Structure formats: C-alpha cells, structure tokens
C-alpha cells in the first residue's frame, strides 16, 4: 500500500523525485546540505 521497494532500476529515480521537494525546501531556507538517497546531512 506504500513504499517503492529497493532492488529495481526505477526505485532510485522515484526516491529522488519524492525527496526533491525536501531539497527545494532546504534551498529556499538557505541551508547548507548534502543528500545521497535517503541520507541527508
């Protein structure tokens, strides 16, 4: 009912698409950040 299982070629792209909203929010706030998949510092 939820999730995009790790293991398929499409999953990494879909994860970046959903987390791009987080990236854009961090940019608007002017934060210094680095994100690699679901690892966000």
ModelCIF file with pLDDT and N, C-alpha, C, O atoms, coordinates in Angstrom:
data_MODEL
#
_entry.id   MODEL 
#
_entity.id                         1 
_entity.type                       polymer 
_entity.pdbx_number_of_molecules   1 
#
_entity_poly.entity_id                      1 
_entity_poly.type                           'polypeptide(L)' 
_entity_poly.nstd_linkage                   no 
_entity_poly.nstd_monomer                   no 
_entity_poly.pdbx_seq_one_letter_code       
;(UNK)(UNK)(UNK)(UNK)(UNK)(UNK)(UNK)(UNK)(UNK)(UNK)(UNK)(UNK)(UNK)(UNK)(UNK)(UNK)
(UNK)(UNK)(UNK)(UNK)(UNK)(UNK)(UNK)(UNK)(UNK)(UNK)(UNK)(UNK)(UNK)(UNK)(UNK)(UNK)
(UNK)(UNK)(UNK)(UNK)(UNK)(UNK)(UNK)(UNK)(UNK)
;
_entity_poly.pdbx_seq_one_letter_code_can   XXXXXXXXXXXXXXXXXXXXXXXXXXXXXXXXXXXXXXXXX 
_entity_poly.pdbx_strand_id                 A 
#
loop_
_entity_poly_seq.entity_id 
_entity_poly_seq.num 
_entity_poly_seq.mon_id 
_entity_poly_seq.hetero 
1 1  UNK n 
1 2  UNK n 
1 3  UNK n 
1 4  UNK n 
1 5  UNK n 
1 6  UNK n 
1 7  UNK n 
1 8  UNK n 
1 9  UNK n 
1 10 UNK n 
1 11 UNK n 
1 12 UNK n 
1 13 UNK n 
1 14 UNK n 
1 15 UNK n 
1 16 UNK n 
1 17 UNK n 
1 18 UNK n 
1 19 UNK n 
1 20 UNK n 
1 21 UNK n 
1 22 UNK n 
1 23 UNK n 
1 24 UNK n 
1 25 UNK n 
1 26 UNK n 
1 27 UNK n 
1 28 UNK n 
1 29 UNK n 
1 30 UNK n 
1 31 UNK n 
1 32 UNK n 
1 33 UNK n 
1 34 UNK n 
1 35 UNK n 
1 36 UNK n 
1 37 UNK n 
1 38 UNK n 
1 39 UNK n 
1 40 UNK n 
1 41 UNK n 
#
_struct_asym.id          A 
_struct_asym.entity_id   1 
#
loop_
_ma_qa_metric.id 
_ma_qa_metric.mode 
_ma_qa_metric.name 
_ma_qa_metric.software_group_id 
_ma_qa_metric.type 
1 global pLDDT . pLDDT 
2 local  pLDDT . pLDDT 
#
_ma_qa_metric_global.metric_id      1 
_ma_qa_metric_global.metric_value   93.37 
_ma_qa_metric_global.model_id       1 
_ma_qa_metric_global.ordinal_id     1 
#
loop_
_ma_qa_metric_local.label_asym_id 
_ma_qa_metric_local.label_comp_id 
_ma_qa_metric_local.label_seq_id 
_ma_qa_metric_local.metric_id 
_ma_qa_metric_local.metric_value 
_ma_qa_metric_local.model_id 
_ma_qa_metric_local.ordinal_id 
A UNK 1  2 81.00 1 1  
A UNK 2  2 83.00 1 2  
A UNK 3  2 83.00 1 3  
A UNK 4  2 84.00 1 4  
A UNK 5  2 75.00 1 5  
A UNK 6  2 81.00 1 6  
A UNK 7  2 85.00 1 7  
A UNK 8  2 90.00 1 8  
A UNK 9  2 94.00 1 9  
A UNK 10 2 95.00 1 10 
A UNK 11 2 93.00 1 11 
A UNK 12 2 93.00 1 12 
A UNK 13 2 96.00 1 13 
A UNK 14 2 95.00 1 14 
A UNK 15 2 94.00 1 15 
A UNK 16 2 96.00 1 16 
A UNK 17 2 96.00 1 17 
A UNK 18 2 95.00 1 18 
A UNK 19 2 96.00 1 19 
A UNK 20 2 97.00 1 20 
A UNK 21 2 96.00 1 21 
A UNK 22 2 97.00 1 22 
A UNK 23 2 98.00 1 23 
A UNK 24 2 97.00 1 24 
A UNK 25 2 98.00 1 25 
A UNK 26 2 98.00 1 26 
A UNK 27 2 97.00 1 27 
A UNK 28 2 97.00 1 28 
A UNK 29 2 97.00 1 29 
A UNK 30 2 97.00 1 30 
A UNK 31 2 97.00 1 31 
A UNK 32 2 98.00 1 32 
A UNK 33 2 98.00 1 33 
A UNK 34 2 98.00 1 34 
A UNK 35 2 97.00 1 35 
A UNK 36 2 96.00 1 36 
A UNK 37 2 92.00 1 37 
A UNK 38 2 91.00 1 38 
A UNK 39 2 93.00 1 39 
A UNK 40 2 96.00 1 40 
A UNK 41 2 98.00 1 41 
#
loop_
_atom_site.group_PDB 
_atom_site.id 
_atom_site.type_symbol 
_atom_site.label_atom_id 
_atom_site.label_alt_id 
_atom_site.label_comp_id 
_atom_site.label_asym_id 
_atom_site.label_entity_id 
_atom_site.label_seq_id 
_atom_site.pdbx_PDB_ins_code 
_atom_site.Cartn_x 
_atom_site.Cartn_y 
_atom_site.Cartn_z 
_atom_site.occupancy 
_atom_site.B_iso_or_equiv 
_atom_site.pdbx_formal_charge 
_atom_site.auth_seq_id 
_atom_site.auth_comp_id 
_atom_site.auth_asym_id 
_atom_site.auth_atom_id 
_atom_site.pdbx_PDB_model_num 
ATOM 1   N N  . UNK A 1 1  ? 0.821  -1.211 0.000   1.00 81.00 ? 1  UNK A N  1 
ATOM 2   C CA . UNK A 1 1  ? 0.000  0.000  0.000   1.00 81.00 ? 1  UNK A CA 1 
ATOM 3   C C  . UNK A 1 1  ? 0.856  1.262  0.000   1.00 81.00 ? 1  UNK A C  1 
ATOM 4   O O  . UNK A 1 1  ? 0.373  2.352  -0.310  1.00 81.00 ? 1  UNK A O  1 
ATOM 5   N N  . UNK A 1 2  ? 2.138  1.102  0.354   1.00 83.00 ? 2  UNK A N  1 
ATOM 6   C CA . UNK A 1 2  ? 3.062  2.228  0.356   1.00 83.00 ? 2  UNK A CA 1 
ATOM 7   C C  . UNK A 1 2  ? 4.466  1.700  0.089   1.00 83.00 ? 2  UNK A C  1 
ATOM 8   O O  . UNK A 1 2  ? 4.727  0.501  0.192   1.00 83.00 ? 2  UNK A O  1 
ATOM 9   N N  . UNK A 1 3  ? 5.366  2.621  -0.258  1.00 83.00 ? 3  UNK A N  1 
ATOM 10  C CA . UNK A 1 3  ? 6.757  2.243  -0.473  1.00 83.00 ? 3  UNK A CA 1 
ATOM 11  C C  . UNK A 1 3  ? 7.107  2.019  -1.935  1.00 83.00 ? 3  UNK A C  1 
ATOM 12  O O  . UNK A 1 3  ? 6.242  1.797  -2.782  1.00 83.00 ? 3  UNK A O  1 
ATOM 13  N N  . UNK A 1 4  ? 8.409  2.085  -2.200  1.00 84.00 ? 4  UNK A N  1 
ATOM 14  C CA . UNK A 1 4  ? 8.946  1.775  -3.525  1.00 84.00 ? 4  UNK A CA 1 
ATOM 15  C C  . UNK A 1 4  ? 10.144 0.856  -3.286  1.00 84.00 ? 4  UNK A C  1 
ATOM 16  O O  . UNK A 1 4  ? 11.248 1.337  -3.032  1.00 84.00 ? 4  UNK A O  1 
ATOM 17  N N  . UNK A 1 5  ? 9.937  -0.467 -3.365  1.00 75.00 ? 5  UNK A N  1 
ATOM 18  C CA . UNK A 1 5  ? 10.939 -1.437 -2.911  1.00 75.00 ? 5  UNK A CA 1 
ATOM 19  C C  . UNK A 1 5  ? 12.326 -1.230 -3.519  1.00 75.00 ? 5  UNK A C  1 
ATOM 20  O O  . UNK A 1 5  ? 12.473 -1.063 -4.730  1.00 75.00 ? 5  UNK A O  1 
ATOM 21  N N  . UNK A 1 6  ? 13.348 -1.245 -2.642  1.00 81.00 ? 6  UNK A N  1 
ATOM 22  C CA . UNK A 1 6  ? 14.720 -1.201 -3.122  1.00 81.00 ? 6  UNK A CA 1 
ATOM 23  C C  . UNK A 1 6  ? 15.031 -2.479 -3.877  1.00 81.00 ? 6  UNK A C  1 
ATOM 24  O O  . UNK A 1 6  ? 14.657 -3.570 -3.448  1.00 81.00 ? 6  UNK A O  1 
ATOM 25  N N  . UNK A 1 7  ? 15.714 -2.341 -4.999  1.00 85.00 ? 7  UNK A N  1 
ATOM 26  C CA . UNK A 1 7  ? 16.102 -3.519 -5.764  1.00 85.00 ? 7  UNK A CA 1 
ATOM 27  C C  . UNK A 1 7  ? 15.798 -3.398 -7.241  1.00 85.00 ? 7  UNK A C  1 
ATOM 28  O O  . UNK A 1 7  ? 16.401 -4.098 -8.055  1.00 85.00 ? 7  UNK A O  1 
ATOM 29  N N  . UNK A 1 8  ? 14.870 -2.521 -7.603  1.00 90.00 ? 8  UNK A N  1 
ATOM 30  C CA . UNK A 1 8  ? 14.529 -2.322 -9.006  1.00 90.00 ? 8  UNK A CA 1 
ATOM 31  C C  . UNK A 1 8  ? 15.193 -1.081 -9.578  1.00 90.00 ? 8  UNK A C  1 
ATOM 32  O O  . UNK A 1 8  ? 15.493 -0.157 -8.822  1.00 90.00 ? 8  UNK A O  1 
ATOM 33  N N  . UNK A 1 9  ? 15.436 -1.023 -10.889 1.00 94.00 ? 9  UNK A N  1 
ATOM 34  C CA . UNK A 1 9  ? 16.103 0.130  -11.514 1.00 94.00 ? 9  UNK A CA 1 
ATOM 35  C C  . UNK A 1 9  ? 15.316 1.432  -11.424 1.00 94.00 ? 9  UNK A C  1 
ATOM 36  O O  . UNK A 1 9  ? 15.900 2.512  -11.517 1.00 94.00 ? 9  UNK A O  1 
ATOM 37  N N  . UNK A 1 10 ? 13.996 1.345  -11.245 1.00 95.00 ? 10 UNK A N  1 
ATOM 38  C CA . UNK A 1 10 ? 13.163 2.548  -11.217 1.00 95.00 ? 10 UNK A CA 1 
ATOM 39  C C  . UNK A 1 10 ? 13.117 3.184  -9.827  1.00 95.00 ? 10 UNK A C  1 
ATOM 40  O O  . UNK A 1 10 ? 12.892 4.388  -9.699  1.00 95.00 ? 10 UNK A O  1 
ATOM 41  N N  . UNK A 1 11 ? 13.328 2.388  -8.803  1.00 93.00 ? 11 UNK A N  1 
ATOM 42  C CA . UNK A 1 11 ? 13.193 2.846  -7.420  1.00 93.00 ? 11 UNK A CA 1 
ATOM 43  C C  . UNK A 1 11 ? 14.090 4.041  -7.061  1.00 93.00 ? 11 UNK A C  1 
ATOM 44  O O  . UNK A 1 11 ? 13.609 4.978  -6.424  1.00 93.00 ? 11 UNK A O  1 
ATOM 45  N N  . UNK A 1 12 ? 15.385 4.043  -7.448  1.00 93.00 ? 12 UNK A N  1 
ATOM 46  C CA . UNK A 1 12 ? 16.238 5.192  -7.111  1.00 93.00 ? 12 UNK A CA 1 
ATOM 47  C C  . UNK A 1 12 ? 15.726 6.512  -7.691  1.00 93.00 ? 12 UNK A C  1 
ATOM 48  O O  . UNK A 1 12 ? 15.754 7.538  -7.013  1.00 93.00 ? 12 UNK A O  1 
ATOM 49  N N  . UNK A 1 13 ? 15.261 6.489  -8.937  1.00 96.00 ? 13 UNK A N  1 
ATOM 50  C CA . UNK A 1 13 ? 14.743 7.710  -9.553  1.00 96.00 ? 13 UNK A CA 1 
ATOM 51  C C  . UNK A 1 13 ? 13.488 8.183  -8.825  1.00 96.00 ? 13 UNK A C  1 
ATOM 52  O O  . UNK A 1 13 ? 13.343 9.373  -8.545  1.00 96.00 ? 13 UNK A O  1 
ATOM 53  N N  . UNK A 1 14 ? 12.582 7.256  -8.518  1.00 95.00 ? 14 UNK A N  1 
ATOM 54  C CA . UNK A 1 14 ? 11.354 7.632  -7.812  1.00 95.00 ? 14 UNK A CA 1 
ATOM 55  C C  . UNK A 1 14 ? 11.658 8.205  -6.433  1.00 95.00 ? 14 UNK A C  1 
ATOM 56  O O  . UNK A 1 14 ? 10.977 9.126  -5.980  1.00 95.00 ? 14 UNK A O  1 
ATOM 57  N N  . UNK A 1 15 ? 12.674 7.669  -5.765  1.00 94.00 ? 15 UNK A N  1 
ATOM 58  C CA . UNK A 1 15 ? 13.044 8.196  -4.441  1.00 94.00 ? 15 UNK A CA 1 
ATOM 59  C C  . UNK A 1 15 ? 13.563 9.626  -4.564  1.00 94.00 ? 15 UNK A C  1 
ATOM 60  O O  . UNK A 1 15 ? 13.246 10.469 -3.725  1.00 94.00 ? 15 UNK A O  1 
ATOM 61  N N  . UNK A 1 16 ? 14.353 9.910  -5.593  1.00 96.00 ? 16 UNK A N  1 
ATOM 62  C CA . UNK A 1 16 ? 14.842 11.271 -5.801  1.00 96.00 ? 16 UNK A CA 1 
ATOM 63  C C  . UNK A 1 16 ? 13.706 12.227 -6.153  1.00 96.00 ? 16 UNK A C  1 
ATOM 64  O O  . UNK A 1 16 ? 13.727 13.390 -5.750  1.00 96.00 ? 16 UNK A O  1 
ATOM 65  N N  . UNK A 1 17 ? 12.723 11.746 -6.895  1.00 96.00 ? 17 UNK A N  1 
ATOM 66  C CA . UNK A 1 17 ? 11.581 12.590 -7.270  1.00 96.00 ? 17 UNK A CA 1 
ATOM 67  C C  . UNK A 1 17 ? 10.791 13.006 -6.033  1.00 96.00 ? 17 UNK A C  1 
ATOM 68  O O  . UNK A 1 17 ? 10.409 14.170 -5.905  1.00 96.00 ? 17 UNK A O  1 
ATOM 69  N N  . UNK A 1 18 ? 10.542 12.064 -5.121  1.00 95.00 ? 18 UNK A N  1 
ATOM 70  C CA . UNK A 1 18 ? 9.754  12.394 -3.928  1.00 95.00 ? 18 UNK A CA 1 
ATOM 71  C C  . UNK A 1 18 ? 10.556 13.261 -2.962  1.00 95.00 ? 18 UNK A C  1 
ATOM 72  O O  . UNK A 1 18 ? 9.986  14.123 -2.294  1.00 95.00 ? 18 UNK A O  1 
ATOM 73  N N  . UNK A 1 19 ? 11.880 13.044 -2.876  1.00 96.00 ? 19 UNK A N  1 
ATOM 74  C CA . UNK A 1 19 ? 12.695 13.815 -1.937  1.00 96.00 ? 19 UNK A CA 1 
ATOM 75  C C  . UNK A 1 19 ? 13.172 15.146 -2.514  1.00 96.00 ? 19 UNK A C  1 
ATOM 76  O O  . UNK A 1 19 ? 13.761 15.957 -1.800  1.00 96.00 ? 19 UNK A O  1 
ATOM 77  N N  . UNK A 1 20 ? 12.920 15.370 -3.799  1.00 97.00 ? 20 UNK A N  1 
ATOM 78  C CA . UNK A 1 20 ? 13.291 16.659 -4.391  1.00 97.00 ? 20 UNK A CA 1 
ATOM 79  C C  . UNK A 1 20 ? 12.539 17.807 -3.717  1.00 97.00 ? 20 UNK A C  1 
ATOM 80  O O  . UNK A 1 20 ? 13.044 18.927 -3.644  1.00 97.00 ? 20 UNK A O  1 
ATOM 81  N N  . UNK A 1 21 ? 11.343 17.528 -3.231  1.00 96.00 ? 21 UNK A N  1 
ATOM 82  C CA . UNK A 1 21 ? 10.570 18.553 -2.528  1.00 96.00 ? 21 UNK A CA 1 
ATOM 83  C C  . UNK A 1 21 ? 11.281 18.972 -1.239  1.00 96.00 ? 21 UNK A C  1 
ATOM 84  O O  . UNK A 1 21 ? 11.256 20.144 -0.863  1.00 96.00 ? 21 UNK A O  1 
ATOM 85  N N  . UNK A 1 22 ? 11.912 18.011 -0.569  1.00 97.00 ? 22 UNK A N  1 
ATOM 86  C CA . UNK A 1 22 ? 12.707 18.318 0.622   1.00 97.00 ? 22 UNK A CA 1 
ATOM 87  C C  . UNK A 1 22 ? 13.909 19.176 0.241   1.00 97.00 ? 22 UNK A C  1 
ATOM 88  O O  . UNK A 1 22 ? 14.215 20.158 0.917   1.00 97.00 ? 22 UNK A O  1 
ATOM 89  N N  . UNK A 1 23 ? 14.597 18.799 -0.852  1.00 98.00 ? 23 UNK A N  1 
ATOM 90  C CA . UNK A 1 23 ? 15.757 19.565 -1.315  1.00 98.00 ? 23 UNK A CA 1 
ATOM 91  C C  . UNK A 1 23 ? 15.377 21.025 -1.594  1.00 98.00 ? 23 UNK A C  1 
ATOM 92  O O  . UNK A 1 23 ? 16.080 21.955 -1.196  1.00 98.00 ? 23 UNK A O  1 
ATOM 93  N N  . UNK A 1 24 ? 14.256 21.197 -2.282  1.00 97.00 ? 24 UNK A N  1 
ATOM 94  C CA . UNK A 1 24 ? 13.828 22.552 -2.648  1.00 97.00 ? 24 UNK A CA 1 
ATOM 95  C C  . UNK A 1 24 ? 13.484 23.374 -1.400  1.00 97.00 ? 24 UNK A C  1 
ATOM 96  O O  . UNK A 1 24 ? 13.753 24.574 -1.347  1.00 97.00 ? 24 UNK A O  1 
ATOM 97  N N  . UNK A 1 25 ? 12.894 22.723 -0.409  1.00 98.00 ? 25 UNK A N  1 
ATOM 98  C CA . UNK A 1 25 ? 12.570 23.417 0.846   1.00 98.00 ? 25 UNK A CA 1 
ATOM 99  C C  . UNK A 1 25 ? 13.849 23.847 1.570   1.00 98.00 ? 25 UNK A C  1 
ATOM 100 O O  . UNK A 1 25 ? 13.921 24.955 2.102   1.00 98.00 ? 25 UNK A O  1 
ATOM 101 N N  . UNK A 1 26 ? 14.844 22.978 1.590   1.00 98.00 ? 26 UNK A N  1 
ATOM 102 C CA . UNK A 1 26 ? 16.125 23.313 2.233   1.00 98.00 ? 26 UNK A CA 1 
ATOM 103 C C  . UNK A 1 26 ? 16.818 24.451 1.495   1.00 98.00 ? 26 UNK A C  1 
ATOM 104 O O  . UNK A 1 26 ? 17.441 25.309 2.121   1.00 98.00 ? 26 UNK A O  1 
ATOM 105 N N  . UNK A 1 27 ? 16.714 24.464 0.164   1.00 97.00 ? 27 UNK A N  1 
ATOM 106 C CA . UNK A 1 27 ? 17.317 25.539 -0.630  1.00 97.00 ? 27 UNK A CA 1 
ATOM 107 C C  . UNK A 1 27 ? 16.626 26.873 -0.361  1.00 97.00 ? 27 UNK A C  1 
ATOM 108 O O  . UNK A 1 27 ? 17.288 27.900 -0.208  1.00 97.00 ? 27 UNK A O  1 
ATOM 109 N N  . UNK A 1 28 ? 15.295 26.855 -0.303  1.00 97.00 ? 28 UNK A N  1 
ATOM 110 C CA . UNK A 1 28 ? 14.532 28.088 -0.028  1.00 97.00 ? 28 UNK A CA 1 
ATOM 111 C C  . UNK A 1 28 ? 14.932 28.668 1.326   1.00 97.00 ? 28 UNK A C  1 
ATOM 112 O O  . UNK A 1 28 ? 15.004 29.886 1.488   1.00 97.00 ? 28 UNK A O  1 
ATOM 113 N N  . UNK A 1 29 ? 15.189 27.799 2.290   1.00 97.00 ? 29 UNK A N  1 
ATOM 114 C CA . UNK A 1 29 ? 15.577 28.247 3.635   1.00 97.00 ? 29 UNK A CA 1 
ATOM 115 C C  . UNK A 1 29 ? 17.057 28.631 3.721   1.00 97.00 ? 29 UNK A C  1 
ATOM 116 O O  . UNK A 1 29 ? 17.517 29.134 4.746   1.00 97.00 ? 29 UNK A O  1 
ATOM 117 N N  . UNK A 1 30 ? 17.791 28.390 2.645   1.00 97.00 ? 30 UNK A N  1 
ATOM 118 C CA . UNK A 1 30 ? 19.200 28.777 2.615   1.00 97.00 ? 30 UNK A CA 1 
ATOM 119 C C  . UNK A 1 30 ? 20.139 27.861 3.367   1.00 97.00 ? 30 UNK A C  1 
ATOM 120 O O  . UNK A 1 30 ? 21.218 28.290 3.777   1.00 97.00 ? 30 UNK A O  1 
ATOM 121 N N  . UNK A 1 31 ? 19.761 26.622 3.556   1.00 97.00 ? 31 UNK A N  1 
ATOM 122 C CA . UNK A 1 31 ? 20.599 25.691 4.319   1.00 97.00 ? 31 UNK A CA 1 
ATOM 123 C C  . UNK A 1 31 ? 21.715 25.088 3.466   1.00 97.00 ? 31 UNK A C  1 
ATOM 124 O O  . UNK A 1 31 ? 21.579 24.924 2.254   1.00 97.00 ? 31 UNK A O  1 
ATOM 125 N N  . UNK A 1 32 ? 22.814 24.767 4.135   1.00 98.00 ? 32 UNK A N  1 
ATOM 126 C CA . UNK A 1 32 ? 23.914 24.023 3.524   1.00 98.00 ? 32 UNK A CA 1 
ATOM 127 C C  . UNK A 1 32 ? 23.641 22.539 3.780   1.00 98.00 ? 32 UNK A C  1 
ATOM 128 O O  . UNK A 1 32 ? 23.617 22.108 4.933   1.00 98.00 ? 32 UNK A O  1 
ATOM 129 N N  . UNK A 1 33 ? 23.441 21.773 2.743   1.00 98.00 ? 33 UNK A N  1 
ATOM 130 C CA . UNK A 1 33 ? 23.095 20.376 2.954   1.00 98.00 ? 33 UNK A CA 1 
ATOM 131 C C  . UNK A 1 33 ? 23.649 19.498 1.838   1.00 98.00 ? 33 UNK A C  1 
ATOM 132 O O  . UNK A 1 33 ? 23.991 19.970 0.754   1.00 98.00 ? 33 UNK A O  1 
ATOM 133 N N  . UNK A 1 34 ? 23.726 18.212 2.142   1.00 98.00 ? 34 UNK A N  1 
ATOM 134 C CA . UNK A 1 34 ? 24.127 17.187 1.179   1.00 98.00 ? 34 UNK A CA 1 
ATOM 135 C C  . UNK A 1 34 ? 23.167 16.019 1.353   1.00 98.00 ? 34 UNK A C  1 
ATOM 136 O O  . UNK A 1 34 ? 22.962 15.531 2.465   1.00 98.00 ? 34 UNK A O  1 
ATOM 137 N N  . UNK A 1 35 ? 22.585 15.577 0.251   1.00 97.00 ? 35 UNK A N  1 
ATOM 138 C CA . UNK A 1 35 ? 21.693 14.417 0.315   1.00 97.00 ? 35 UNK A CA 1 
ATOM 139 C C  . UNK A 1 35 ? 22.157 13.355 -0.675  1.00 97.00 ? 35 UNK A C  1 
ATOM 140 O O  . UNK A 1 35 ? 22.440 13.642 -1.838  1.00 97.00 ? 35 UNK A O  1 
ATOM 141 N N  . UNK A 1 36 ? 22.228 12.123 -0.183  1.00 96.00 ? 36 UNK A N  1 
ATOM 142 C CA . UNK A 1 36 ? 22.511 10.973 -1.045  1.00 96.00 ? 36 UNK A CA 1 
ATOM 143 C C  . UNK A 1 36 ? 21.415 9.953  -0.758  1.00 96.00 ? 36 UNK A C  1 
ATOM 144 O O  . UNK A 1 36 ? 21.433 9.284  0.275   1.00 96.00 ? 36 UNK A O  1 
ATOM 145 N N  . UNK A 1 37 ? 20.455 9.839  -1.689  1.00 92.00 ? 37 UNK A N  1 
ATOM 146 C CA . UNK A 1 37 ? 19.261 8.994  -1.483  1.00 92.00 ? 37 UNK A CA 1 
ATOM 147 C C  . UNK A 1 37 ? 18.565 9.446  -0.200  1.00 92.00 ? 37 UNK A C  1 
ATOM 148 O O  . UNK A 1 37 ? 18.184 10.611 -0.088  1.00 92.00 ? 37 UNK A O  1 
ATOM 149 N N  . UNK A 1 38 ? 18.392 8.546  0.768   1.00 91.00 ? 38 UNK A N  1 
ATOM 150 C CA . UNK A 1 38 ? 17.692 8.942  1.997   1.00 91.00 ? 38 UNK A CA 1 
ATOM 151 C C  . UNK A 1 38 ? 18.644 9.364  3.109   1.00 91.00 ? 38 UNK A C  1 
ATOM 152 O O  . UNK A 1 38 ? 18.214 9.564  4.245   1.00 91.00 ? 38 UNK A O  1 
ATOM 153 N N  . UNK A 1 39 ? 19.935 9.503  2.799   1.00 93.00 ? 39 UNK A N  1 
ATOM 154 C CA . UNK A 1 39 ? 20.910 10.050 3.758   1.00 93.00 ? 39 UNK A CA 1 
ATOM 155 C C  . UNK A 1 39 ? 21.014 11.553 3.550   1.00 93.00 ? 39 UNK A C  1 
ATOM 156 O O  . UNK A 1 39 ? 21.532 12.007 2.530   1.00 93.00 ? 39 UNK A O  1 
ATOM 157 N N  . UNK A 1 40 ? 20.526 12.324 4.511   1.00 96.00 ? 40 UNK A N  1 
ATOM 158 C CA . UNK A 1 40 ? 20.521 13.781 4.369   1.00 96.00 ? 40 UNK A CA 1 
ATOM 159 C C  . UNK A 1 40 ? 21.234 14.419 5.559   1.00 96.00 ? 40 UNK A C  1 
ATOM 160 O O  . UNK A 1 40 ? 20.835 14.224 6.707   1.00 96.00 ? 40 UNK A O  1 
ATOM 161 N N  . UNK A 1 41 ? 22.285 15.177 5.280   1.00 98.00 ? 41 UNK A N  1 
ATOM 162 C CA . UNK A 1 41 ? 23.027 15.905 6.301   1.00 98.00 ? 41 UNK A CA 1 
ATOM 163 C C  . UNK A 1 41 ? 22.912 17.406 6.051   1.00 98.00 ? 41 UNK A C  1 
ATOM 164 O O  . UNK A 1 41 ? 23.470 18.202 6.806   1.00 98.00 ? 41 UNK A O  1 
#
